N, C-alpha and C. Protein backbone atom coordinates (compact mmCIF):
# COMPACT_ATOMS: atom_id res chain seq x y z
N MET A 1 53.81 32.88 176.43
CA MET A 1 52.73 32.82 175.48
C MET A 1 51.78 33.98 175.72
N ARG A 2 51.15 34.42 174.63
CA ARG A 2 50.13 35.45 174.77
C ARG A 2 48.76 34.79 174.72
N VAL A 3 47.84 35.33 175.53
CA VAL A 3 46.46 34.87 175.52
C VAL A 3 45.54 36.08 175.45
N MET A 4 44.37 35.85 174.86
CA MET A 4 43.31 36.85 174.91
C MET A 4 42.29 36.34 175.93
N VAL A 5 41.97 37.16 176.89
CA VAL A 5 40.93 36.85 177.86
C VAL A 5 39.71 37.65 177.42
N ILE A 6 38.67 36.94 177.04
CA ILE A 6 37.48 37.55 176.47
C ILE A 6 36.40 37.64 177.54
N VAL A 7 35.87 38.84 177.74
CA VAL A 7 34.76 39.06 178.65
C VAL A 7 33.49 38.94 177.81
N LYS A 8 32.69 37.92 178.08
CA LYS A 8 31.48 37.70 177.30
C LYS A 8 30.43 38.75 177.67
N ALA A 9 29.65 39.15 176.69
CA ALA A 9 28.59 40.13 176.90
C ALA A 9 27.43 39.49 177.66
N THR A 10 26.62 40.35 178.26
CA THR A 10 25.41 39.93 178.96
C THR A 10 24.27 40.85 178.51
N LYS A 11 23.07 40.57 178.99
CA LYS A 11 21.94 41.44 178.65
C LYS A 11 22.22 42.88 179.09
N ASN A 12 22.78 43.04 180.29
CA ASN A 12 23.06 44.40 180.78
C ASN A 12 24.14 45.10 179.96
N SER A 13 25.21 44.39 179.62
CA SER A 13 26.27 45.06 178.84
C SER A 13 25.75 45.42 177.46
N GLU A 14 24.91 44.57 176.88
CA GLU A 14 24.33 44.85 175.57
C GLU A 14 23.31 45.98 175.64
N ALA A 15 22.72 46.18 176.83
CA ALA A 15 21.78 47.29 177.02
C ALA A 15 22.50 48.60 177.32
N GLY A 16 23.82 48.55 177.42
CA GLY A 16 24.59 49.76 177.68
C GLY A 16 24.69 50.13 179.14
N VAL A 17 24.34 49.20 180.05
CA VAL A 17 24.43 49.46 181.48
C VAL A 17 25.91 49.57 181.84
N MET A 18 26.27 50.71 182.40
CA MET A 18 27.68 50.96 182.73
C MET A 18 28.01 50.35 184.09
N PRO A 19 29.28 49.96 184.29
CA PRO A 19 29.69 49.38 185.57
C PRO A 19 29.63 50.43 186.68
N SER A 20 29.44 49.93 187.90
CA SER A 20 29.41 50.81 189.07
C SER A 20 30.80 51.35 189.37
N GLU A 21 30.84 52.40 190.17
CA GLU A 21 32.13 52.95 190.61
C GLU A 21 32.92 51.88 191.36
N LYS A 22 32.23 51.07 192.17
CA LYS A 22 32.87 50.00 192.94
C LYS A 22 33.53 49.00 191.99
N LEU A 23 32.81 48.58 190.95
CA LEU A 23 33.39 47.61 190.02
C LEU A 23 34.55 48.23 189.25
N LEU A 24 34.42 49.49 188.84
CA LEU A 24 35.52 50.16 188.15
C LEU A 24 36.77 50.20 189.03
N ALA A 25 36.58 50.47 190.31
CA ALA A 25 37.71 50.51 191.25
C ALA A 25 38.33 49.12 191.41
N GLU A 26 37.48 48.09 191.54
CA GLU A 26 37.98 46.72 191.68
C GLU A 26 38.75 46.28 190.44
N MET A 27 38.20 46.59 189.27
CA MET A 27 38.88 46.23 188.02
C MET A 27 40.17 47.02 187.87
N GLY A 28 40.16 48.28 188.28
CA GLY A 28 41.38 49.09 188.23
C GLY A 28 42.46 48.48 189.10
N GLN A 29 42.09 48.01 190.28
CA GLN A 29 43.06 47.37 191.18
C GLN A 29 43.59 46.07 190.56
N PHE A 30 42.68 45.27 189.96
CA PHE A 30 43.10 44.02 189.32
C PHE A 30 44.06 44.32 188.17
N ASN A 31 43.73 45.33 187.36
CA ASN A 31 44.61 45.71 186.25
C ASN A 31 45.97 46.16 186.76
N GLU A 32 45.99 46.89 187.90
CA GLU A 32 47.26 47.30 188.51
C GLU A 32 48.11 46.07 188.84
N GLU A 33 47.47 45.04 189.41
CA GLU A 33 48.19 43.81 189.75
C GLU A 33 48.75 43.14 188.49
N LEU A 34 47.94 43.11 187.43
CA LEU A 34 48.38 42.51 186.18
C LEU A 34 49.58 43.25 185.61
N VAL A 35 49.53 44.58 185.62
CA VAL A 35 50.62 45.40 185.09
C VAL A 35 51.88 45.20 185.93
N LYS A 36 51.75 45.25 187.26
CA LYS A 36 52.91 45.08 188.13
C LYS A 36 53.56 43.71 187.95
N ALA A 37 52.75 42.71 187.63
CA ALA A 37 53.27 41.35 187.44
C ALA A 37 53.82 41.15 186.03
N GLY A 38 53.69 42.17 185.17
CA GLY A 38 54.18 42.05 183.80
C GLY A 38 53.30 41.18 182.91
N ILE A 39 52.06 41.01 183.28
CA ILE A 39 51.12 40.13 182.56
C ILE A 39 50.35 40.90 181.49
N MET A 40 49.81 42.05 181.84
CA MET A 40 48.88 42.77 180.96
C MET A 40 49.61 43.50 179.84
N LEU A 41 49.20 43.22 178.61
CA LEU A 41 49.71 43.92 177.44
C LEU A 41 48.69 44.93 176.92
N ALA A 42 47.40 44.61 177.06
CA ALA A 42 46.33 45.50 176.60
C ALA A 42 45.03 45.05 177.25
N GLY A 43 44.06 45.93 177.24
CA GLY A 43 42.74 45.59 177.75
C GLY A 43 41.78 46.73 177.52
N GLU A 44 40.60 46.39 177.07
CA GLU A 44 39.58 47.41 176.77
C GLU A 44 38.19 46.83 176.95
N GLY A 45 37.25 47.71 177.23
CA GLY A 45 35.84 47.35 177.19
C GLY A 45 35.28 47.78 175.84
N LEU A 46 34.22 47.12 175.42
CA LEU A 46 33.62 47.43 174.12
C LEU A 46 32.20 47.95 174.30
N HIS A 47 31.82 48.88 173.42
CA HIS A 47 30.44 49.36 173.40
C HIS A 47 29.52 48.20 173.02
N PRO A 48 28.23 48.32 173.30
CA PRO A 48 27.28 47.27 172.91
C PRO A 48 27.26 47.07 171.40
N SER A 49 26.80 45.89 170.98
CA SER A 49 26.78 45.57 169.56
C SER A 49 25.85 46.47 168.77
N SER A 50 24.93 47.17 169.45
CA SER A 50 24.03 48.10 168.75
C SER A 50 24.82 49.23 168.09
N LYS A 51 26.04 49.47 168.57
CA LYS A 51 26.88 50.51 167.98
C LYS A 51 27.88 49.95 166.98
N GLY A 52 27.80 48.63 166.74
CA GLY A 52 28.77 47.99 165.87
C GLY A 52 28.19 47.59 164.52
N LYS A 53 29.04 47.07 163.70
CA LYS A 53 28.68 46.56 162.38
C LYS A 53 29.45 45.27 162.16
N ARG A 54 28.91 44.43 161.30
CA ARG A 54 29.61 43.24 160.83
C ARG A 54 29.70 43.32 159.32
N VAL A 55 30.73 42.72 158.78
CA VAL A 55 30.85 42.61 157.34
C VAL A 55 30.92 41.11 157.02
N ARG A 56 29.93 40.65 156.28
CA ARG A 56 29.87 39.23 155.90
C ARG A 56 30.48 39.05 154.52
N PHE A 57 31.38 38.09 154.40
CA PHE A 57 32.02 37.74 153.14
C PHE A 57 31.39 36.45 152.64
N SER A 58 30.82 36.47 151.45
CA SER A 58 30.19 35.28 150.91
C SER A 58 30.18 35.34 149.39
N GLY A 59 30.76 34.34 148.76
CA GLY A 59 30.76 34.27 147.31
C GLY A 59 31.32 35.51 146.63
N GLY A 60 32.35 36.10 147.21
CA GLY A 60 32.97 37.29 146.62
C GLY A 60 32.25 38.58 146.95
N LYS A 61 31.09 38.50 147.63
CA LYS A 61 30.34 39.71 148.02
C LYS A 61 30.63 40.04 149.48
N LYS A 62 30.57 41.32 149.77
CA LYS A 62 30.73 41.80 151.14
C LYS A 62 29.47 42.55 151.52
N THR A 63 28.81 42.11 152.58
CA THR A 63 27.57 42.71 153.02
C THR A 63 27.76 43.30 154.42
N VAL A 64 27.39 44.56 154.60
CA VAL A 64 27.49 45.23 155.89
C VAL A 64 26.18 45.02 156.65
N ILE A 65 26.30 44.56 157.89
CA ILE A 65 25.15 44.29 158.75
C ILE A 65 25.26 45.19 159.97
N ASP A 66 24.22 45.98 160.22
CA ASP A 66 24.20 46.86 161.39
C ASP A 66 23.81 46.08 162.64
N GLY A 67 24.41 46.46 163.79
CA GLY A 67 24.02 45.89 165.08
C GLY A 67 22.71 46.48 165.50
N PRO A 68 22.06 45.98 166.50
CA PRO A 68 22.57 44.98 167.45
C PRO A 68 22.50 43.57 166.87
N PHE A 69 23.28 42.70 167.50
CA PHE A 69 23.34 41.31 167.08
C PHE A 69 22.69 40.43 168.14
N ALA A 70 22.06 39.37 167.70
CA ALA A 70 21.36 38.45 168.61
C ALA A 70 22.35 37.67 169.46
N GLU A 71 21.83 37.00 170.48
CA GLU A 71 22.61 36.11 171.34
C GLU A 71 23.74 36.82 172.07
N ALA A 72 23.37 37.60 173.08
CA ALA A 72 24.38 38.33 173.85
C ALA A 72 25.48 37.42 174.36
N LYS A 73 25.17 36.17 174.72
CA LYS A 73 26.19 35.27 175.27
C LYS A 73 27.28 34.93 174.26
N GLU A 74 27.04 35.18 172.98
CA GLU A 74 28.04 34.92 171.95
C GLU A 74 28.84 36.17 171.60
N LEU A 75 28.53 37.29 172.21
CA LEU A 75 29.19 38.56 171.91
C LEU A 75 30.28 38.86 172.94
N ILE A 76 31.12 39.82 172.62
CA ILE A 76 32.23 40.20 173.48
C ILE A 76 31.97 41.59 174.06
N ALA A 77 32.14 41.72 175.38
CA ALA A 77 31.96 43.01 176.05
C ALA A 77 33.30 43.69 176.33
N GLY A 78 34.38 42.92 176.28
CA GLY A 78 35.69 43.48 176.53
C GLY A 78 36.75 42.39 176.43
N TYR A 79 38.01 42.79 176.61
CA TYR A 79 39.09 41.82 176.48
C TYR A 79 40.35 42.33 177.16
N TRP A 80 41.25 41.40 177.43
CA TRP A 80 42.62 41.68 177.81
C TRP A 80 43.52 40.89 176.88
N ILE A 81 44.72 41.36 176.67
CA ILE A 81 45.79 40.57 176.07
C ILE A 81 46.84 40.44 177.16
N TRP A 82 47.17 39.21 177.50
CA TRP A 82 48.12 38.94 178.57
C TRP A 82 49.31 38.16 178.04
N HIS A 83 50.47 38.34 178.67
CA HIS A 83 51.64 37.51 178.41
C HIS A 83 51.84 36.66 179.66
N VAL A 84 51.65 35.35 179.51
CA VAL A 84 51.74 34.42 180.63
C VAL A 84 52.66 33.26 180.25
N LYS A 85 53.06 32.48 181.25
CA LYS A 85 53.92 31.31 180.99
C LYS A 85 53.12 30.14 180.42
N SER A 86 51.83 30.07 180.78
CA SER A 86 51.01 28.93 180.36
C SER A 86 49.53 29.31 180.46
N ILE A 87 48.70 28.50 179.84
CA ILE A 87 47.25 28.70 179.94
C ILE A 87 46.81 28.53 181.39
N GLU A 88 47.50 27.66 182.13
CA GLU A 88 47.17 27.44 183.55
C GLU A 88 47.42 28.70 184.36
N GLU A 89 48.50 29.43 184.04
CA GLU A 89 48.76 30.69 184.74
C GLU A 89 47.65 31.69 184.43
N ALA A 90 47.19 31.72 183.18
CA ALA A 90 46.08 32.61 182.82
C ALA A 90 44.83 32.27 183.62
N VAL A 91 44.55 30.97 183.77
CA VAL A 91 43.38 30.55 184.56
C VAL A 91 43.52 31.05 185.99
N GLU A 92 44.70 30.94 186.56
CA GLU A 92 44.89 31.41 187.94
C GLU A 92 44.64 32.91 188.06
N TRP A 93 45.09 33.69 187.07
CA TRP A 93 44.82 35.13 187.09
C TRP A 93 43.32 35.40 186.94
N VAL A 94 42.65 34.68 186.06
CA VAL A 94 41.21 34.88 185.89
C VAL A 94 40.46 34.57 187.18
N ARG A 95 40.89 33.57 187.91
CA ARG A 95 40.25 33.24 189.19
C ARG A 95 40.34 34.39 190.19
N ARG A 96 41.33 35.26 190.03
CA ARG A 96 41.51 36.42 190.92
C ARG A 96 40.71 37.64 190.46
N CYS A 97 40.17 37.57 189.25
CA CYS A 97 39.46 38.71 188.66
C CYS A 97 38.16 39.01 189.40
N PRO A 98 37.85 40.28 189.62
CA PRO A 98 36.54 40.62 190.16
C PRO A 98 35.45 40.16 189.19
N ASP A 99 34.27 39.87 189.71
CA ASP A 99 33.14 39.47 188.88
C ASP A 99 32.82 40.61 187.92
N PRO A 100 33.01 40.43 186.60
CA PRO A 100 32.82 41.54 185.67
C PRO A 100 31.36 41.94 185.46
N MET A 101 30.43 41.07 185.79
CA MET A 101 29.00 41.35 185.62
C MET A 101 28.29 40.92 186.90
N PRO A 102 28.44 41.68 187.99
CA PRO A 102 27.98 41.22 189.30
C PRO A 102 26.47 40.96 189.40
N ASP A 103 25.67 41.53 188.53
CA ASP A 103 24.23 41.32 188.61
C ASP A 103 23.73 40.22 187.69
N GLU A 104 24.65 39.59 186.96
CA GLU A 104 24.28 38.54 186.02
C GLU A 104 25.35 37.45 186.03
N GLU A 105 25.03 36.32 185.45
CA GLU A 105 26.04 35.28 185.28
C GLU A 105 27.04 35.77 184.25
N ALA A 106 28.32 35.66 184.58
CA ALA A 106 29.37 36.15 183.70
C ALA A 106 30.27 35.01 183.27
N GLU A 107 30.95 35.23 182.15
CA GLU A 107 31.87 34.22 181.65
C GLU A 107 33.07 34.90 181.01
N LEU A 108 34.26 34.42 181.36
CA LEU A 108 35.49 34.86 180.71
C LEU A 108 36.05 33.67 179.95
N GLU A 109 36.52 33.92 178.74
CA GLU A 109 37.09 32.87 177.90
C GLU A 109 38.57 33.19 177.67
N ILE A 110 39.42 32.18 177.75
CA ILE A 110 40.86 32.35 177.57
C ILE A 110 41.25 31.62 176.29
N ARG A 111 41.87 32.36 175.36
CA ARG A 111 42.28 31.76 174.09
C ARG A 111 43.73 32.13 173.79
N PRO A 112 44.57 31.14 173.47
CA PRO A 112 45.94 31.45 173.07
C PRO A 112 45.96 32.27 171.78
N VAL A 113 46.91 33.19 171.70
CA VAL A 113 47.12 34.00 170.50
C VAL A 113 48.18 33.28 169.66
N PHE A 114 47.95 33.19 168.35
CA PHE A 114 48.95 32.57 167.49
C PHE A 114 50.26 33.32 167.55
N GLU A 115 51.34 32.57 167.59
CA GLU A 115 52.69 33.11 167.49
C GLU A 115 53.25 32.68 166.14
N ALA A 116 54.29 33.34 165.67
CA ALA A 116 54.86 33.06 164.35
C ALA A 116 55.20 31.57 164.19
N GLU A 117 55.77 30.96 165.21
CA GLU A 117 56.18 29.55 165.09
C GLU A 117 55.00 28.60 164.91
N ASP A 118 53.79 29.04 165.26
CA ASP A 118 52.61 28.19 165.09
C ASP A 118 52.27 27.95 163.62
N PHE A 119 52.75 28.80 162.74
CA PHE A 119 52.39 28.71 161.32
C PHE A 119 53.31 27.79 160.52
N GLY A 120 54.39 27.33 161.11
CA GLY A 120 55.27 26.39 160.44
C GLY A 120 55.92 26.97 159.20
N LYS A 121 56.21 26.07 158.24
CA LYS A 121 56.95 26.46 157.03
C LYS A 121 56.15 27.39 156.12
N GLU A 122 54.81 27.45 156.30
CA GLU A 122 53.99 28.34 155.47
C GLU A 122 54.34 29.81 155.71
N LEU A 123 54.85 30.10 156.91
CA LEU A 123 55.31 31.47 157.19
C LEU A 123 56.77 31.55 156.75
N THR A 124 56.94 31.87 155.49
CA THR A 124 58.27 31.91 154.89
C THR A 124 59.12 33.00 155.54
N PRO A 125 60.44 32.96 155.33
CA PRO A 125 61.28 34.03 155.87
C PRO A 125 60.84 35.42 155.39
N GLU A 126 60.36 35.50 154.14
CA GLU A 126 59.90 36.80 153.61
C GLU A 126 58.63 37.25 154.34
N LEU A 127 57.70 36.33 154.56
CA LEU A 127 56.46 36.68 155.28
C LEU A 127 56.76 37.01 156.74
N ARG A 128 57.69 36.29 157.34
CA ARG A 128 58.08 36.58 158.73
C ARG A 128 58.71 37.97 158.83
N ALA A 129 59.57 38.31 157.87
CA ALA A 129 60.19 39.64 157.85
C ALA A 129 59.13 40.72 157.68
N GLN A 130 58.17 40.48 156.81
CA GLN A 130 57.07 41.44 156.63
C GLN A 130 56.30 41.63 157.94
N GLU A 131 55.98 40.54 158.61
CA GLU A 131 55.25 40.59 159.88
C GLU A 131 56.04 41.41 160.92
N GLU A 132 57.32 41.15 161.02
CA GLU A 132 58.16 41.88 161.98
C GLU A 132 58.23 43.36 161.63
N ARG A 133 58.34 43.67 160.34
CA ARG A 133 58.38 45.07 159.89
C ARG A 133 57.07 45.77 160.23
N LEU A 134 55.95 45.09 160.01
CA LEU A 134 54.65 45.70 160.31
C LEU A 134 54.47 45.92 161.81
N ARG A 135 54.88 44.95 162.62
CA ARG A 135 54.77 45.11 164.08
C ARG A 135 55.62 46.30 164.55
N ALA A 136 56.82 46.43 164.00
CA ALA A 136 57.69 47.55 164.37
C ALA A 136 57.05 48.88 163.95
N GLU A 137 56.43 48.93 162.78
CA GLU A 137 55.78 50.15 162.31
C GLU A 137 54.59 50.51 163.19
N VAL A 138 53.80 49.51 163.57
CA VAL A 138 52.67 49.76 164.47
C VAL A 138 53.16 50.34 165.79
N GLU A 139 54.22 49.76 166.33
CA GLU A 139 54.79 50.27 167.58
C GLU A 139 55.30 51.69 167.41
N ARG A 140 55.98 51.97 166.30
CA ARG A 140 56.47 53.32 166.04
C ARG A 140 55.32 54.31 165.97
N GLN A 141 54.25 53.95 165.27
CA GLN A 141 53.09 54.83 165.15
C GLN A 141 52.42 55.04 166.51
N ARG A 142 52.36 53.99 167.31
CA ARG A 142 51.73 54.08 168.64
C ARG A 142 52.48 55.06 169.53
N ARG A 143 53.79 55.10 169.39
CA ARG A 143 54.62 55.99 170.23
C ARG A 143 54.63 57.43 169.74
N SER A 144 54.22 57.65 168.50
CA SER A 144 54.25 59.02 167.92
C SER A 144 53.14 59.88 168.44
């Protein structure tokens, strides 16, 4: 199963405070372990919400909202995509993770990623073929 491990934002991450060299080294080592174990598929940190935008859809209208956004605890500072056997395995890996926000209370959230079989009969053979074709094209473009 694939999971997204979400690193929740904090006041410091939203203020643009960059991680220390020590934390970067610790996270690099953790990422090395994830890659060697065949767990990590992707992972990135995100700029503060002050550099982002939201698009709200309501009643057929689309409204662009400039950051920053309120409630840092509801925002995302970074993420990983992992391939694990179970959510319990993901929890065990998260327990090994260095503290991502050593000067503040930090929180990581683990969420399963939908797989094709989760959609049932609504994902028709035609839609499944389209999804597979798009994934293959994305991979081809990534390698180019």
